[in-house]
Amino acid sequence: MNLKRLVFFLSLFFAITLTLAETDMRMTIQQVKEKYQTELMVLPGVVSVGIGLSEGETVIKIGLDGRHPDTEKALPKALEGYRVVSQDTGTIKAR
């Protein structure tokens, strides 16, 4: 086998291997929510972290108890490839 063929097959092998590894290693949205929930909940005004729909897409939803421009700016746009959206849910009280 000549060197060009060997390099081609090795490149192809590594590309397929990395693609399969990325596919198998992607976290579910539930796992991502659980991973980041604690650090998101300590941000000022954050009262909930959940999973919901936004424009037909499953997203991580951050509930705020009102307007918090600094917190809204600090929120990531996405976590592990899942979009993050915030919404004003108001204060949440236990019954």
N, C-alpha and C. Protein backbone atom coordinates (compact mmCIF):
# COMPACT_ATOMS: atom_id res chain seq x y z
N MET A 1 0.86 -1.18 0.00
CA MET A 1 0.00 0.00 0.00
C MET A 1 0.90 1.23 0.00
N ASN A 2 0.59 2.16 -0.88
CA ASN A 2 1.45 3.34 -0.93
C ASN A 2 1.08 4.32 0.18
N LEU A 3 1.94 5.28 0.42
CA LEU A 3 1.81 6.23 1.53
C LEU A 3 0.55 7.08 1.42
N LYS A 4 0.19 7.51 0.22
CA LYS A 4 -1.01 8.33 0.04
C LYS A 4 -2.27 7.57 0.46
N ARG A 5 -2.35 6.31 0.09
CA ARG A 5 -3.51 5.50 0.46
C ARG A 5 -3.57 5.30 1.97
N LEU A 6 -2.41 5.06 2.57
CA LEU A 6 -2.35 4.86 4.02
C LEU A 6 -2.81 6.11 4.75
N VAL A 7 -2.33 7.27 4.32
CA VAL A 7 -2.73 8.53 4.94
C VAL A 7 -4.24 8.76 4.76
N PHE A 8 -4.76 8.46 3.58
CA PHE A 8 -6.18 8.62 3.32
C PHE A 8 -7.01 7.74 4.25
N PHE A 9 -6.65 6.45 4.35
CA PHE A 9 -7.42 5.54 5.19
C PHE A 9 -7.30 5.89 6.67
N LEU A 10 -6.15 6.33 7.11
CA LEU A 10 -6.00 6.75 8.50
C LEU A 10 -6.84 7.99 8.79
N SER A 11 -6.84 8.94 7.86
CA SER A 11 -7.66 10.14 8.02
C SER A 11 -9.14 9.79 8.08
N LEU A 12 -9.56 8.92 7.20
CA LEU A 12 -10.95 8.48 7.18
C LEU A 12 -11.32 7.77 8.47
N PHE A 13 -10.45 6.89 8.94
CA PHE A 13 -10.68 6.17 10.19
C PHE A 13 -10.86 7.13 11.36
N PHE A 14 -9.95 8.10 11.49
CA PHE A 14 -10.04 9.05 12.61
C PHE A 14 -11.26 9.95 12.49
N ALA A 15 -11.63 10.34 11.29
CA ALA A 15 -12.82 11.18 11.11
C ALA A 15 -14.07 10.42 11.54
N ILE A 16 -14.18 9.17 11.15
CA ILE A 16 -15.35 8.37 11.53
C ILE A 16 -15.36 8.12 13.02
N THR A 17 -14.20 7.79 13.58
CA THR A 17 -14.10 7.52 15.02
C THR A 17 -14.49 8.75 15.83
N LEU A 18 -14.00 9.92 15.46
CA LEU A 18 -14.33 11.14 16.19
C LEU A 18 -15.80 11.49 16.06
N THR A 19 -16.37 11.29 14.89
CA THR A 19 -17.80 11.57 14.69
C THR A 19 -18.64 10.66 15.55
N LEU A 20 -18.32 9.38 15.59
CA LEU A 20 -19.06 8.45 16.43
C LEU A 20 -18.91 8.78 17.90
N ALA A 21 -17.71 9.16 18.31
CA ALA A 21 -17.47 9.51 19.71
C ALA A 21 -18.28 10.74 20.11
N GLU A 22 -18.33 11.75 19.24
CA GLU A 22 -19.11 12.95 19.54
C GLU A 22 -20.59 12.63 19.63
N THR A 23 -21.08 11.77 18.77
CA THR A 23 -22.49 11.40 18.78
C THR A 23 -22.83 10.65 20.06
N ASP A 24 -21.99 9.73 20.46
CA ASP A 24 -22.24 8.94 21.66
C ASP A 24 -22.07 9.74 22.93
N MET A 25 -21.25 10.78 22.91
CA MET A 25 -20.92 11.51 24.12
C MET A 25 -21.83 12.71 24.36
N ARG A 26 -22.68 13.07 23.42
CA ARG A 26 -23.53 14.23 23.61
C ARG A 26 -24.50 13.98 24.76
N MET A 27 -24.56 14.94 25.64
CA MET A 27 -25.44 14.83 26.80
C MET A 27 -26.88 15.13 26.40
N THR A 28 -27.82 14.51 27.10
CA THR A 28 -29.22 14.83 26.86
C THR A 28 -29.50 16.21 27.47
N ILE A 29 -30.60 16.82 27.07
CA ILE A 29 -30.94 18.13 27.62
C ILE A 29 -31.20 18.03 29.13
N GLN A 30 -31.74 16.91 29.57
CA GLN A 30 -31.98 16.69 31.01
C GLN A 30 -30.64 16.66 31.75
N GLN A 31 -29.64 15.97 31.20
CA GLN A 31 -28.32 15.91 31.83
C GLN A 31 -27.68 17.29 31.89
N VAL A 32 -27.83 18.06 30.82
CA VAL A 32 -27.26 19.41 30.78
C VAL A 32 -27.93 20.30 31.82
N LYS A 33 -29.25 20.23 31.92
CA LYS A 33 -29.98 21.02 32.91
C LYS A 33 -29.49 20.68 34.32
N GLU A 34 -29.39 19.41 34.60
CA GLU A 34 -28.94 18.98 35.93
C GLU A 34 -27.50 19.42 36.21
N LYS A 35 -26.67 19.38 35.18
CA LYS A 35 -25.26 19.76 35.35
C LYS A 35 -25.11 21.23 35.73
N TYR A 36 -25.91 22.11 35.13
CA TYR A 36 -25.74 23.56 35.32
C TYR A 36 -26.77 24.19 36.26
N GLN A 37 -27.74 23.45 36.72
CA GLN A 37 -28.84 24.01 37.51
C GLN A 37 -28.34 24.75 38.75
N THR A 38 -27.44 24.16 39.50
CA THR A 38 -26.98 24.77 40.75
C THR A 38 -26.33 26.13 40.50
N GLU A 39 -25.45 26.20 39.52
CA GLU A 39 -24.78 27.48 39.27
C GLU A 39 -25.72 28.52 38.66
N LEU A 40 -26.74 28.10 37.94
CA LEU A 40 -27.71 29.06 37.41
C LEU A 40 -28.63 29.58 38.51
N MET A 41 -29.00 28.73 39.45
CA MET A 41 -29.93 29.12 40.51
C MET A 41 -29.35 30.16 41.47
N VAL A 42 -28.05 30.31 41.53
CA VAL A 42 -27.46 31.31 42.43
C VAL A 42 -27.40 32.70 41.81
N LEU A 43 -27.72 32.82 40.53
CA LEU A 43 -27.72 34.13 39.89
C LEU A 43 -28.89 34.96 40.41
N PRO A 44 -28.69 36.26 40.59
CA PRO A 44 -29.76 37.12 41.12
C PRO A 44 -31.03 37.05 40.27
N GLY A 45 -32.16 36.78 40.93
CA GLY A 45 -33.45 36.78 40.25
C GLY A 45 -33.86 35.44 39.66
N VAL A 46 -32.97 34.47 39.60
CA VAL A 46 -33.32 33.17 39.01
C VAL A 46 -34.12 32.37 40.03
N VAL A 47 -35.32 31.95 39.62
CA VAL A 47 -36.19 31.18 40.52
C VAL A 47 -36.47 29.77 40.02
N SER A 48 -36.11 29.49 38.77
CA SER A 48 -36.31 28.14 38.25
C SER A 48 -35.40 27.87 37.06
N VAL A 49 -35.10 26.59 36.89
CA VAL A 49 -34.37 26.12 35.71
C VAL A 49 -35.13 24.89 35.24
N GLY A 50 -35.59 24.93 34.01
CA GLY A 50 -36.38 23.82 33.49
C GLY A 50 -36.13 23.57 32.03
N ILE A 51 -36.95 22.71 31.48
CA ILE A 51 -36.89 22.37 30.06
C ILE A 51 -38.25 22.68 29.47
N GLY A 52 -38.25 23.34 28.33
CA GLY A 52 -39.52 23.68 27.70
C GLY A 52 -39.35 23.88 26.21
N LEU A 53 -40.39 24.41 25.59
CA LEU A 53 -40.37 24.68 24.16
C LEU A 53 -40.31 26.17 23.91
N SER A 54 -39.54 26.54 22.90
CA SER A 54 -39.50 27.92 22.44
C SER A 54 -39.37 27.88 20.92
N GLU A 55 -40.36 28.42 20.25
CA GLU A 55 -40.39 28.42 18.79
C GLU A 55 -40.23 27.01 18.23
N GLY A 56 -40.87 26.03 18.88
CA GLY A 56 -40.85 24.66 18.41
C GLY A 56 -39.58 23.88 18.74
N GLU A 57 -38.67 24.49 19.48
CA GLU A 57 -37.40 23.86 19.82
C GLU A 57 -37.35 23.57 21.32
N THR A 58 -36.84 22.42 21.71
CA THR A 58 -36.67 22.10 23.12
C THR A 58 -35.47 22.88 23.64
N VAL A 59 -35.69 23.65 24.71
CA VAL A 59 -34.66 24.55 25.25
C VAL A 59 -34.58 24.42 26.77
N ILE A 60 -33.53 24.98 27.31
CA ILE A 60 -33.41 25.13 28.76
C ILE A 60 -34.01 26.49 29.10
N LYS A 61 -35.03 26.48 29.97
CA LYS A 61 -35.72 27.73 30.33
C LYS A 61 -35.30 28.16 31.72
N ILE A 62 -34.93 29.43 31.81
CA ILE A 62 -34.55 30.03 33.07
C ILE A 62 -35.68 30.97 33.49
N GLY A 63 -36.30 30.71 34.64
CA GLY A 63 -37.36 31.55 35.15
C GLY A 63 -36.80 32.64 36.05
N LEU A 64 -37.19 33.87 35.79
CA LEU A 64 -36.75 35.02 36.58
C LEU A 64 -37.94 35.62 37.33
N ASP A 65 -37.67 36.17 38.52
CA ASP A 65 -38.74 36.75 39.33
C ASP A 65 -39.06 38.19 38.95
N GLY A 66 -38.55 38.64 37.84
CA GLY A 66 -38.78 40.00 37.36
C GLY A 66 -37.67 40.38 36.39
N ARG A 67 -37.57 41.67 36.12
CA ARG A 67 -36.54 42.16 35.20
C ARG A 67 -35.20 42.20 35.94
N HIS A 68 -34.21 41.54 35.37
CA HIS A 68 -32.85 41.54 35.90
C HIS A 68 -31.88 41.63 34.72
N PRO A 69 -31.68 42.86 34.21
CA PRO A 69 -30.84 43.02 33.01
C PRO A 69 -29.44 42.44 33.16
N ASP A 70 -28.82 42.60 34.33
CA ASP A 70 -27.47 42.06 34.51
C ASP A 70 -27.47 40.53 34.47
N THR A 71 -28.46 39.92 35.08
CA THR A 71 -28.56 38.46 35.06
C THR A 71 -28.85 37.98 33.65
N GLU A 72 -29.75 38.66 32.96
CA GLU A 72 -30.08 38.26 31.59
C GLU A 72 -28.85 38.33 30.69
N LYS A 73 -28.01 39.34 30.88
CA LYS A 73 -26.77 39.45 30.10
C LYS A 73 -25.79 38.34 30.46
N ALA A 74 -25.78 37.92 31.73
CA ALA A 74 -24.84 36.91 32.20
C ALA A 74 -25.23 35.50 31.77
N LEU A 75 -26.50 35.29 31.44
CA LEU A 75 -26.95 33.95 31.05
C LEU A 75 -26.30 33.54 29.73
N PRO A 76 -25.88 32.29 29.64
CA PRO A 76 -25.32 31.81 28.37
C PRO A 76 -26.40 31.72 27.31
N LYS A 77 -26.03 31.87 26.07
CA LYS A 77 -26.98 31.72 24.96
C LYS A 77 -27.29 30.25 24.72
N ALA A 78 -26.32 29.39 25.08
CA ALA A 78 -26.50 27.94 24.91
C ALA A 78 -25.62 27.22 25.93
N LEU A 79 -26.03 26.01 26.26
CA LEU A 79 -25.26 25.13 27.13
C LEU A 79 -25.14 23.78 26.45
N GLU A 80 -23.93 23.37 26.19
CA GLU A 80 -23.67 22.06 25.58
C GLU A 80 -24.48 21.86 24.29
N GLY A 81 -24.69 22.96 23.56
CA GLY A 81 -25.41 22.87 22.29
C GLY A 81 -26.91 23.08 22.39
N TYR A 82 -27.45 23.22 23.59
CA TYR A 82 -28.88 23.47 23.77
C TYR A 82 -29.10 24.95 24.05
N ARG A 83 -30.07 25.55 23.35
CA ARG A 83 -30.34 26.97 23.51
C ARG A 83 -30.94 27.24 24.89
N VAL A 84 -30.56 28.40 25.46
CA VAL A 84 -31.06 28.83 26.76
C VAL A 84 -31.93 30.06 26.54
N VAL A 85 -33.13 30.06 27.13
CA VAL A 85 -34.01 31.23 27.06
C VAL A 85 -34.46 31.58 28.47
N SER A 86 -34.70 32.86 28.69
CA SER A 86 -35.20 33.29 30.00
C SER A 86 -36.60 33.85 29.84
N GLN A 87 -37.36 33.78 30.92
CA GLN A 87 -38.70 34.36 30.91
C GLN A 87 -39.03 34.84 32.31
N ASP A 88 -39.84 35.86 32.37
CA ASP A 88 -40.29 36.41 33.67
C ASP A 88 -41.43 35.54 34.16
N THR A 89 -41.15 34.73 35.18
CA THR A 89 -42.18 33.85 35.74
C THR A 89 -42.78 34.44 37.00
N GLY A 90 -42.16 35.49 37.51
CA GLY A 90 -42.59 36.05 38.80
C GLY A 90 -42.05 35.20 39.92
N THR A 91 -42.38 35.59 41.14
CA THR A 91 -41.92 34.87 42.32
C THR A 91 -42.64 33.54 42.41
N ILE A 92 -41.90 32.49 42.74
CA ILE A 92 -42.48 31.16 42.90
C ILE A 92 -42.56 30.87 44.40
N LYS A 93 -43.76 30.50 44.86
CA LYS A 93 -43.98 30.21 46.27
C LYS A 93 -44.42 28.77 46.45
N ALA A 94 -43.89 28.11 47.47
CA ALA A 94 -44.31 26.74 47.79
C ALA A 94 -45.70 26.80 48.43
N ARG A 95 -46.49 25.78 48.20
CA ARG A 95 -47.82 25.73 48.80
C ARG A 95 -47.81 24.81 49.98
